[in-house]
Amino acid sequence: MDRMIYTAMTGANAAMHRQQVLSNNLANVSTPGFRAELSTFRAVPVNGDGSSTRVYSLEATAGHLDAPGAVNPTGRNLDVLAKGQSYFAVQALDGTEAYTRAGAFEVDADGTLVNAQGLPVLSDGDAPIVVPANATVDIAGSGMVTARVGDQPPQELGRIKLVTPDADNQLARGGDGLFRGTQGQQLQADAQAGVQSGALEGSNVNPIEAMVGMIAVARQFEVQMRMLQNGEANDKSAAQLLSLNG
């Protein structure tokens, strides 16, 4: 009896986790550069004497959907879209280098080029990009940031650091929504990566798929709970039979 209860309990817990992932994806359907989070599970036997017949659901390595989002032209000179599978490098709140696909940049009060969350955008020299006061900023297709003050010649401020993950340097999403190397490593700048100015990448979440998935997971959770209720009823019936025989 406890085998069914244990399996149903862990299955319900896995369904709750998947529902949270799908809800978060749906909430970010309009977030620029958002990568849909994936959740997978596998059945794992419980280790220990007398427990080999017990199986529970374990979350497998969760990743994200790499498919690009829609291109949304904005015409704004500080809106850029990373081409291919490249990511922008920013300095996270904890001081570490992190990566994002969101390219809605602006210049803060200190003259630093920052993203929408106010995090400094890093150059390929791993330093923040500082813009002169009253300068007009442009970002070239290579990621080079230039500034022009009045009638003066344009000044190159540095190239935005773009990184491209591969099989040896993969990225994982952190609790702050930014990506970092799976081993905590800092990725090297990709000289071949480029950007598209005047456009932003939309979220790659499919809202219809997310809603259908939430409905399916809700039904799976109900099935698991019915199994628990059936197990409880069977346990009561068995206890009554034993009391009668006793």
C-alpha atoms as a PDB file:
ATOM      1  CA  MET A   1       0.000   0.000   0.000  1.00  0.00           C
ATOM      2  CA  ASP A   2       2.724   2.439   0.910  1.00  0.00           C
ATOM      3  CA  ARG A   3       4.312   1.917  -2.521  1.00  0.00           C
ATOM      4  CA  MET A   4       1.287   3.424  -4.258  1.00  0.00           C
ATOM      5  CA  ILE A   5       1.043   6.262  -1.750  1.00  0.00           C
ATOM      6  CA  TYR A   6       4.730   7.126  -2.107  1.00  0.00           C
ATOM      7  CA  THR A   7       4.581   7.066  -5.895  1.00  0.00           C
ATOM      8  CA  ALA A   8       1.428   9.203  -5.995  1.00  0.00           C
ATOM      9  CA  MET A   9       2.862  11.694  -3.506  1.00  0.00           C
ATOM     10  CA  THR A  10       6.070  12.259  -5.462  1.00  0.00           C
ATOM     11  CA  GLY A  11       4.124  12.394  -8.714  1.00  0.00           C
ATOM     12  CA  ALA A  12       1.876  15.129  -7.310  1.00  0.00           C
ATOM     13  CA  ASN A  13       4.928  17.048  -6.108  1.00  0.00           C
ATOM     14  CA  ALA A  14       6.486  16.826  -9.585  1.00  0.00           C
ATOM     15  CA  ALA A  15       3.234  18.056 -11.147  1.00  0.00           C
ATOM     16  CA  MET A  16       3.204  21.059  -8.800  1.00  0.00           C
ATOM     17  CA  HIS A  17       6.771  21.943  -9.792  1.00  0.00           C
ATOM     18  CA  ARG A  18       5.964  21.714 -13.495  1.00  0.00           C
ATOM     19  CA  GLN A  19       2.921  23.904 -12.968  1.00  0.00           C
ATOM     20  CA  GLN A  20       5.159  26.550 -11.376  1.00  0.00           C
ATOM     21  CA  VAL A  21       7.541  26.436 -14.350  1.00  0.00           C
ATOM     22  CA  LEU A  22       4.720  26.781 -16.872  1.00  0.00           C
ATOM     23  CA  SER A  23       3.157  29.631 -14.885  1.00  0.00           C
ATOM     24  CA  ASN A  24       6.475  31.493 -14.824  1.00  0.00           C
ATOM     25  CA  ASN A  25       6.873  31.001 -18.581  1.00  0.00           C
ATOM     26  CA  LEU A  26       3.383  32.324 -19.240  1.00  0.00           C
ATOM     27  CA  ALA A  27       4.006  35.336 -16.995  1.00  0.00           C
ATOM     28  CA  ASN A  28       7.067  36.214 -19.118  1.00  0.00           C
ATOM     29  CA  VAL A  29       5.427  35.845 -22.516  1.00  0.00           C
ATOM     30  CA  SER A  30       5.984  39.585 -23.118  1.00  0.00           C
ATOM     31  CA  THR A  31       9.453  39.844 -21.531  1.00  0.00           C
ATOM     32  CA  PRO A  32      12.097  40.746 -24.163  1.00  0.00           C
ATOM     33  CA  GLY A  33      14.717  38.052 -24.653  1.00  0.00           C
ATOM     34  CA  PHE A  34      13.094  35.609 -22.204  1.00  0.00           C
ATOM     35  CA  ARG A  35      14.019  31.959 -22.704  1.00  0.00           C
ATOM     36  CA  ALA A  36      11.281  29.457 -21.814  1.00  0.00           C
ATOM     37  CA  GLU A  37      12.276  27.219 -18.910  1.00  0.00           C
ATOM     38  CA  LEU A  38      12.015  23.465 -19.408  1.00  0.00           C
ATOM     39  CA  SER A  39      11.212  20.846 -16.764  1.00  0.00           C
ATOM     40  CA  THR A  40      11.763  17.103 -17.106  1.00  0.00           C
ATOM     41  CA  PHE A  41      11.393  14.271 -14.624  1.00  0.00           C
ATOM     42  CA  ARG A  42      12.454  10.645 -14.349  1.00  0.00           C
ATOM     43  CA  ALA A  43      11.511   7.713 -12.138  1.00  0.00           C
ATOM     44  CA  VAL A  44      14.203   6.730  -9.613  1.00  0.00           C
ATOM     45  CA  PRO A  45      14.133   3.723  -7.237  1.00  0.00           C
ATOM     46  CA  VAL A  46      14.556   4.513  -3.560  1.00  0.00           C
ATOM     47  CA  ASN A  47      17.835   3.188  -2.132  1.00  0.00           C
ATOM     48  CA  GLY A  48      17.868   1.271   1.126  1.00  0.00           C
ATOM     49  CA  ASP A  49      16.917  -2.094   2.601  1.00  0.00           C
ATOM     50  CA  GLY A  50      13.263  -2.855   2.068  1.00  0.00           C
ATOM     51  CA  SER A  51      12.772   0.166  -0.167  1.00  0.00           C
ATOM     52  CA  SER A  52      13.912  -1.126  -3.554  1.00  0.00           C
ATOM     53  CA  THR A  53      10.316  -1.425  -4.747  1.00  0.00           C
ATOM     54  CA  ARG A  54       9.594   2.220  -3.977  1.00  0.00           C
ATOM     55  CA  VAL A  55       9.940   4.655  -6.861  1.00  0.00           C
ATOM     56  CA  TYR A  56       9.769   8.416  -6.783  1.00  0.00           C
ATOM     57  CA  SER A  57       9.832  11.234  -9.328  1.00  0.00           C
ATOM     58  CA  LEU A  58      13.083  13.167  -9.566  1.00  0.00           C
ATOM     59  CA  GLU A  59      13.635  16.369 -11.499  1.00  0.00           C
ATOM     60  CA  ALA A  60      16.177  15.847 -14.249  1.00  0.00           C
ATOM     61  CA  THR A  61      18.586  18.534 -15.407  1.00  0.00           C
ATOM     62  CA  ALA A  62      16.362  21.488 -16.234  1.00  0.00           C
ATOM     63  CA  GLY A  63      17.336  23.696 -19.140  1.00  0.00           C
ATOM     64  CA  HIS A  64      15.838  26.341 -21.366  1.00  0.00           C
ATOM     65  CA  LEU A  65      14.470  26.538 -24.880  1.00  0.00           C
ATOM     66  CA  ASP A  66      17.128  27.868 -27.257  1.00  0.00           C
ATOM     67  CA  ALA A  67      14.743  28.788 -30.072  1.00  0.00           C
ATOM     68  CA  PRO A  68      14.961  32.513 -30.905  1.00  0.00           C
ATOM     69  CA  GLY A  69      12.064  34.833 -30.150  1.00  0.00           C
ATOM     70  CA  ALA A  70      10.347  37.110 -32.623  1.00  0.00           C
ATOM     71  CA  VAL A  71      12.169  40.184 -33.914  1.00  0.00           C
ATOM     72  CA  ASN A  72      10.398  43.359 -32.771  1.00  0.00           C
ATOM     73  CA  PRO A  73      11.657  46.503 -34.568  1.00  0.00           C
ATOM     74  CA  THR A  74      11.695  49.582 -32.322  1.00  0.00           C
ATOM     75  CA  GLY A  75      13.854  52.099 -34.197  1.00  0.00           C
ATOM     76  CA  ARG A  76      15.517  53.072 -30.911  1.00  0.00           C
ATOM     77  CA  ASN A  77      19.305  53.362 -31.189  1.00  0.00           C
ATOM     78  CA  LEU A  78      19.916  51.702 -27.782  1.00  0.00           C
ATOM     79  CA  ASP A  79      17.719  48.674 -28.523  1.00  0.00           C
ATOM     80  CA  VAL A  80      19.803  45.800 -29.894  1.00  0.00           C
ATOM     81  CA  LEU A  81      19.167  42.165 -30.692  1.00  0.00           C
ATOM     82  CA  ALA A  82      21.902  39.547 -30.352  1.00  0.00           C
ATOM     83  CA  LYS A  83      22.149  37.501 -33.532  1.00  0.00           C
ATOM     84  CA  GLY A  84      22.261  33.711 -33.494  1.00  0.00           C
ATOM     85  CA  GLN A  85      22.733  32.142 -30.071  1.00  0.00           C
ATOM     86  CA  SER A  86      24.845  34.951 -28.626  1.00  0.00           C
ATOM     87  CA  TYR A  87      24.235  36.601 -25.253  1.00  0.00           C
ATOM     88  CA  PHE A  88      25.074  40.040 -23.862  1.00  0.00           C
ATOM     89  CA  ALA A  89      27.432  40.167 -20.877  1.00  0.00           C
ATOM     90  CA  VAL A  90      26.332  42.227 -17.862  1.00  0.00           C
ATOM     91  CA  GLN A  91      27.583  42.683 -14.323  1.00  0.00           C
ATOM     92  CA  ALA A  92      25.133  41.089 -11.885  1.00  0.00           C
ATOM     93  CA  LEU A  93      24.278  42.494  -8.472  1.00  0.00           C
ATOM     94  CA  ASP A  94      26.696  40.059  -6.822  1.00  0.00           C
ATOM     95  CA  GLY A  95      29.541  41.405  -8.989  1.00  0.00           C
ATOM     96  CA  THR A  96      29.800  38.318 -11.195  1.00  0.00           C
ATOM     97  CA  GLU A  97      29.579  38.290 -14.970  1.00  0.00           C
ATOM     98  CA  ALA A  98      26.219  37.093 -16.195  1.00  0.00           C
ATOM     99  CA  TYR A  99      24.503  36.818 -19.565  1.00  0.00           C
ATOM    100  CA  THR A 100      21.165  37.844 -21.011  1.00  0.00           C
ATOM    101  CA  ARG A 101      19.363  38.080 -24.343  1.00  0.00           C
ATOM    102  CA  ALA A 102      17.487  41.236 -23.345  1.00  0.00           C
ATOM    103  CA  GLY A 103      19.002  44.165 -25.236  1.00  0.00           C
ATOM    104  CA  ALA A 104      16.945  47.180 -24.141  1.00  0.00           C
ATOM    105  CA  PHE A 105      19.820  49.401 -23.010  1.00  0.00           C
ATOM    106  CA  GLU A 106      19.952  52.924 -21.638  1.00  0.00           C
ATOM    107  CA  VAL A 107      22.431  55.343 -20.104  1.00  0.00           C
ATOM    108  CA  ASP A 108      22.041  55.905 -16.355  1.00  0.00           C
ATOM    109  CA  ALA A 109      22.700  59.089 -14.386  1.00  0.00           C
ATOM    110  CA  ASP A 110      26.379  58.177 -14.007  1.00  0.00           C
ATOM    111  CA  GLY A 111      26.828  57.775 -17.754  1.00  0.00           C
ATOM    112  CA  THR A 112      27.080  53.969 -17.609  1.00  0.00           C
ATOM    113  CA  LEU A 113      25.429  51.854 -20.285  1.00  0.00           C
ATOM    114  CA  VAL A 114      22.992  49.593 -18.420  1.00  0.00           C
ATOM    115  CA  ASN A 115      20.232  47.130 -19.237  1.00  0.00           C
ATOM    116  CA  ALA A 116      16.570  47.453 -18.263  1.00  0.00           C
ATOM    117  CA  GLN A 117      17.351  46.196 -14.725  1.00  0.00           C
ATOM    118  CA  GLY A 118      20.079  48.812 -14.254  1.00  0.00           C
ATOM    119  CA  LEU A 119      22.941  46.301 -14.538  1.00  0.00           C
ATOM    120  CA  PRO A 120      26.109  47.576 -16.275  1.00  0.00           C
ATOM    121  CA  VAL A 121      26.677  46.239 -19.777  1.00  0.00           C
ATOM    122  CA  LEU A 122      30.226  44.899 -20.109  1.00  0.00           C
ATOM    123  CA  SER A 123      32.659  45.453 -22.959  1.00  0.00           C
ATOM    124  CA  ASP A 124      34.879  42.735 -24.401  1.00  0.00           C
ATOM    125  CA  GLY A 125      37.492  44.085 -21.987  1.00  0.00           C
ATOM    126  CA  ASP A 126      35.233  42.992 -19.098  1.00  0.00           C
ATOM    127  CA  ALA A 127      34.641  46.595 -17.986  1.00  0.00           C
ATOM    128  CA  PRO A 128      31.479  48.731 -17.927  1.00  0.00           C
ATOM    129  CA  ILE A 129      30.947  51.075 -20.874  1.00  0.00           C
ATOM    130  CA  VAL A 130      30.905  54.738 -19.808  1.00  0.00           C
ATOM    131  CA  VAL A 131      29.226  57.305 -22.081  1.00  0.00           C
ATOM    132  CA  PRO A 132      30.288  60.992 -22.102  1.00  0.00           C
ATOM    133  CA  ALA A 133      27.730  63.552 -20.978  1.00  0.00           C
ATOM    134  CA  ASN A 134      25.314  64.867 -23.619  1.00  0.00           C
ATOM    135  CA  ALA A 135      26.513  62.309 -26.161  1.00  0.00           C
ATOM    136  CA  THR A 136      24.491  60.607 -28.856  1.00  0.00           C
ATOM    137  CA  VAL A 137      25.083  56.858 -28.664  1.00  0.00           C
ATOM    138  CA  ASP A 138      25.026  54.411 -31.547  1.00  0.00           C
ATOM    139  CA  ILE A 139      25.627  50.662 -31.569  1.00  0.00           C
ATOM    140  CA  ALA A 140      27.052  49.132 -34.739  1.00  0.00           C
ATOM    141  CA  GLY A 141      26.333  45.649 -36.050  1.00  0.00           C
ATOM    142  CA  SER A 142      29.588  44.394 -34.529  1.00  0.00           C
ATOM    143  CA  GLY A 143      28.468  45.572 -31.094  1.00  0.00           C
ATOM    144  CA  MET A 144      30.840  48.543 -31.094  1.00  0.00           C
ATOM    145  CA  VAL A 145      29.430  51.461 -29.084  1.00  0.00           C
ATOM    146  CA  THR A 146      30.240  54.946 -30.353  1.00  0.00           C
ATOM    147  CA  ALA A 147      29.371  58.338 -28.908  1.00  0.00           C
ATOM    148  CA  ARG A 148      29.223  61.743 -30.574  1.00  0.00           C
ATOM    149  CA  VAL A 149      29.192  64.992 -28.594  1.00  0.00           C
ATOM    150  CA  GLY A 150      27.983  67.915 -30.648  1.00  0.00           C
ATOM    151  CA  ASP A 151      29.988  68.346 -33.847  1.00  0.00           C
ATOM    152  CA  GLN A 152      32.964  66.362 -32.589  1.00  0.00           C
ATOM    153  CA  PRO A 153      34.050  63.178 -34.389  1.00  0.00           C
ATOM    154  CA  PRO A 154      32.464  59.967 -33.019  1.00  0.00           C
ATOM    155  CA  GLN A 155      34.401  58.248 -30.259  1.00  0.00           C
ATOM    156  CA  GLU A 156      34.558  54.461 -29.858  1.00  0.00           C
ATOM    157  CA  LEU A 157      33.706  53.488 -26.270  1.00  0.00           C
ATOM    158  CA  GLY A 158      34.174  49.743 -26.609  1.00  0.00           C
ATOM    159  CA  ARG A 159      32.530  46.685 -28.078  1.00  0.00           C
ATOM    160  CA  ILE A 160      29.723  45.063 -26.146  1.00  0.00           C
ATOM    161  CA  LYS A 161      30.868  41.654 -24.939  1.00  0.00           C
ATOM    162  CA  LEU A 162      28.955  38.927 -26.757  1.00  0.00           C
ATOM    163  CA  VAL A 163      29.372  35.279 -25.826  1.00  0.00           C
ATOM    164  CA  THR A 164      28.123  32.198 -27.623  1.00  0.00           C
ATOM    165  CA  PRO A 165      27.646  29.035 -25.533  1.00  0.00           C
ATOM    166  CA  ASP A 166      28.663  25.671 -26.973  1.00  0.00           C
ATOM    167  CA  ALA A 167      28.898  22.046 -25.854  1.00  0.00           C
ATOM    168  CA  ASP A 168      31.920  22.808 -23.655  1.00  0.00           C
ATOM    169  CA  ASN A 169      30.612  26.107 -22.302  1.00  0.00           C
ATOM    170  CA  GLN A 170      26.926  25.799 -21.554  1.00  0.00           C
ATOM    171  CA  LEU A 171      24.711  28.245 -19.690  1.00  0.00           C
ATOM    172  CA  ALA A 172      22.239  27.751 -16.862  1.00  0.00           C
ATOM    173  CA  ARG A 173      19.652  30.180 -15.553  1.00  0.00           C
ATOM    174  CA  GLY A 174      20.202  31.502 -12.044  1.00  0.00           C
ATOM    175  CA  GLY A 175      17.698  32.587  -9.430  1.00  0.00           C
ATOM    176  CA  ASP A 176      17.991  36.194 -10.611  1.00  0.00           C
ATOM    177  CA  GLY A 177      16.883  35.258 -14.133  1.00  0.00           C
ATOM    178  CA  LEU A 178      20.372  35.760 -15.610  1.00  0.00           C
ATOM    179  CA  PHE A 179      22.470  33.035 -17.220  1.00  0.00           C
ATOM    180  CA  ARG A 180      25.924  31.901 -16.092  1.00  0.00           C
ATOM    181  CA  GLY A 181      28.323  29.120 -16.989  1.00  0.00           C
ATOM    182  CA  THR A 182      27.175  25.748 -15.658  1.00  0.00           C
ATOM    183  CA  GLN A 183      30.532  25.353 -13.879  1.00  0.00           C
ATOM    184  CA  GLY A 184      30.674  28.984 -12.820  1.00  0.00           C
ATOM    185  CA  GLN A 185      33.106  29.720 -15.631  1.00  0.00           C
ATOM    186  CA  GLN A 186      33.319  33.058 -17.422  1.00  0.00           C
ATOM    187  CA  LEU A 187      32.814  32.698 -21.162  1.00  0.00           C
ATOM    188  CA  GLN A 188      35.179  34.270 -23.650  1.00  0.00           C
ATOM    189  CA  ALA A 189      34.015  37.021 -25.987  1.00  0.00           C
ATOM    190  CA  ASP A 190      32.950  35.823 -29.438  1.00  0.00           C
ATOM    191  CA  ALA A 191      34.568  38.061 -32.050  1.00  0.00           C
ATOM    192  CA  GLN A 192      32.245  36.691 -34.750  1.00  0.00           C
ATOM    193  CA  ALA A 193      29.019  37.517 -32.908  1.00  0.00           C
ATOM    194  CA  GLY A 194      26.970  40.501 -33.996  1.00  0.00           C
ATOM    195  CA  VAL A 195      23.849  42.486 -33.175  1.00  0.00           C
ATOM    196  CA  GLN A 196      20.920  44.076 -34.962  1.00  0.00           C
ATOM    197  CA  SER A 197      20.332  47.664 -33.906  1.00  0.00           C
ATOM    198  CA  GLY A 198      16.903  49.200 -33.490  1.00  0.00           C
ATOM    199  CA  ALA A 199      15.176  45.936 -32.594  1.00  0.00           C
ATOM    200  CA  LEU A 200      14.481  43.694 -29.608  1.00  0.00           C
ATOM    201  CA  GLU A 201      14.039  39.959 -29.371  1.00  0.00           C
ATOM    202  CA  GLY A 202      10.703  38.866 -27.978  1.00  0.00           C
ATOM    203  CA  SER A 203      10.092  35.996 -25.592  1.00  0.00           C
ATOM    204  CA  ASN A 204      10.244  32.526 -27.137  1.00  0.00           C
ATOM    205  CA  VAL A 205       7.371  31.303 -24.943  1.00  0.00           C
ATOM    206  CA  ASN A 206       4.402  29.939 -26.880  1.00  0.00           C
ATOM    207  CA  PRO A 207       1.411  31.063 -24.784  1.00  0.00           C
ATOM    208  CA  ILE A 208      -0.948  28.475 -26.257  1.00  0.00           C
ATOM    209  CA  GLU A 209       1.437  25.615 -25.512  1.00  0.00           C
ATOM    210  CA  ALA A 210       1.977  26.945 -21.990  1.00  0.00           C
ATOM    211  CA  MET A 211      -1.759  27.140 -21.272  1.00  0.00           C
ATOM    212  CA  VAL A 212      -2.424  23.667 -22.700  1.00  0.00           C
ATOM    213  CA  GLY A 213       0.463  22.340 -20.627  1.00  0.00           C
ATOM    214  CA  MET A 214      -0.959  23.901 -17.462  1.00  0.00           C
ATOM    215  CA  ILE A 215      -4.332  22.242 -18.085  1.00  0.00           C
ATOM    216  CA  ALA A 216      -2.666  18.871 -18.677  1.00  0.00           C
ATOM    217  CA  VAL A 217      -0.556  19.171 -15.516  1.00  0.00           C
ATOM    218  CA  ALA A 218      -3.639  20.110 -13.473  1.00  0.00           C
ATOM    219  CA  ARG A 219      -5.319  16.921 -14.643  1.00  0.00           C
ATOM    220  CA  GLN A 220      -2.211  14.887 -13.808  1.00  0.00           C
ATOM    221  CA  PHE A 221      -2.237  16.350 -10.307  1.00  0.00           C
ATOM    222  CA  GLU A 222      -5.896  15.373  -9.878  1.00  0.00           C
ATOM    223  CA  VAL A 223      -5.079  11.792 -10.909  1.00  0.00           C
ATOM    224  CA  GLN A 224      -2.300  11.605  -8.324  1.00  0.00           C
ATOM    225  CA  MET A 225      -4.611  12.915  -5.601  1.00  0.00           C
ATOM    226  CA  ARG A 226      -7.290  10.361  -6.516  1.00  0.00           C
ATOM    227  CA  MET A 227      -4.661   7.641  -6.162  1.00  0.00           C
ATOM    228  CA  LEU A 228      -3.880   8.914  -2.670  1.00  0.00           C
ATOM    229  CA  GLN A 229      -7.583   8.889  -1.787  1.00  0.00           C
ATOM    230  CA  ASN A 230      -7.966   5.355  -3.142  1.00  0.00           C
ATOM    231  CA  GLY A 231      -4.953   4.268  -1.121  1.00  0.00           C
ATOM    232  CA  GLU A 232      -6.473   5.738   2.014  1.00  0.00           C
ATOM    233  CA  ALA A 233      -9.794   3.982   1.349  1.00  0.00           C
ATOM    234  CA  ASN A 234      -8.055   0.657   0.706  1.00  0.00           C
ATOM    235  CA  ASP A 235      -6.047   1.061   3.888  1.00  0.00           C
ATOM    236  CA  LYS A 236      -9.212   1.630   5.923  1.00  0.00           C
ATOM    237  CA  SER A 237     -10.869  -1.418   4.358  1.00  0.00           C
ATOM    238  CA  ALA A 238      -7.841  -3.575   5.145  1.00  0.00           C
ATOM    239  CA  ALA A 239      -7.801  -2.346   8.743  1.00  0.00           C
ATOM    240  CA  GLN A 240     -11.484  -3.234   9.162  1.00  0.00           C
ATOM    241  CA  LEU A 241     -10.925  -6.735   7.775  1.00  0.00           C
ATOM    242  CA  LEU A 242      -8.001  -7.297  10.129  1.00  0.00           C
ATOM    243  CA  SER A 243     -10.042  -6.118  13.113  1.00  0.00           C
ATOM    244  CA  LEU A 244     -12.860  -8.536  12.202  1.00  0.00           C
ATOM    245  CA  ASN A 245     -10.448 -11.460  11.847  1.00  0.00           C
ATOM    246  CA  GLY A 246      -8.784 -10.526  15.133  1.00  0.00           C
END
